[in-house]
Amino acid sequence: MVKKLFVTLATVALYLFISIFTGWWAVTWIIWVFYFVYIVYLIFKDHQ
C-alpha cells in the first residue's frame, strides 16, 4: 500500500515537473501510460 502511494506521488511530481518546466504538456501523457501499466502489473501480481 505504501509502495503504491509512493509511486503515485512520484508519478505526479515527475509529471508536474516535466510539464511545468518544459512545457511538454502534450508529451507527458506517456508518464501516465507507464504508471497505468505499472498499476495493472501490481494488480495482477497481487491476485496470483
Protein backbone atom coordinates (compact mmCIF):
# COMPACT_ATOMS: atom_id res chain seq x y z
CA MET A 1 0.00 0.00 0.00
CA VAL A 2 2.75 2.43 0.94
CA LYS A 3 4.69 1.48 -2.18
CA LYS A 4 1.69 2.28 -4.40
CA LEU A 5 1.23 5.63 -2.66
CA PHE A 6 4.91 6.49 -3.10
CA VAL A 7 4.84 5.54 -6.79
CA THR A 8 1.68 7.61 -7.31
CA LEU A 9 3.18 10.67 -5.64
CA ALA A 10 6.44 10.25 -7.56
CA THR A 11 4.49 9.98 -10.83
CA VAL A 12 2.52 13.14 -10.08
CA ALA A 13 5.68 15.02 -9.11
CA LEU A 14 7.50 13.88 -12.25
CA TYR A 15 4.53 14.79 -14.43
CA LEU A 16 4.22 18.27 -12.95
CA PHE A 17 7.96 18.90 -13.03
CA ILE A 18 8.32 17.94 -16.68
CA SER A 19 5.10 19.64 -17.74
CA ILE A 20 5.70 22.95 -15.98
CA PHE A 21 9.42 23.35 -16.63
CA THR A 22 9.49 22.09 -20.21
CA GLY A 23 6.00 22.96 -21.39
CA TRP A 24 5.62 19.48 -22.90
CA TRP A 25 2.01 19.02 -21.79
CA ALA A 26 1.19 17.11 -24.98
CA VAL A 27 4.04 14.62 -24.48
CA THR A 28 3.85 13.93 -20.75
CA TRP A 29 0.77 11.72 -21.11
CA ILE A 30 3.33 8.96 -21.72
CA ILE A 31 4.16 9.12 -17.99
CA TRP A 32 0.56 8.19 -17.19
CA VAL A 33 0.69 5.29 -19.65
CA PHE A 34 3.72 3.85 -17.84
CA TYR A 35 2.00 4.43 -14.49
CA PHE A 36 -1.12 2.62 -15.71
CA VAL A 37 0.92 -0.35 -16.89
CA TYR A 38 2.70 -0.48 -13.53
CA ILE A 39 -0.56 -0.43 -11.56
CA VAL A 40 -2.10 -3.13 -13.75
CA TYR A 41 1.04 -5.23 -13.21
CA LEU A 42 0.70 -4.83 -9.43
CA ILE A 43 -2.97 -5.78 -9.50
CA PHE A 44 -2.30 -8.97 -11.48
CA LYS A 45 0.68 -9.79 -9.27
CA ASP A 46 -1.44 -9.42 -6.12
CA HIS A 47 -4.14 -11.77 -7.46
CA GLN A 48 -1.80 -14.63 -8.27
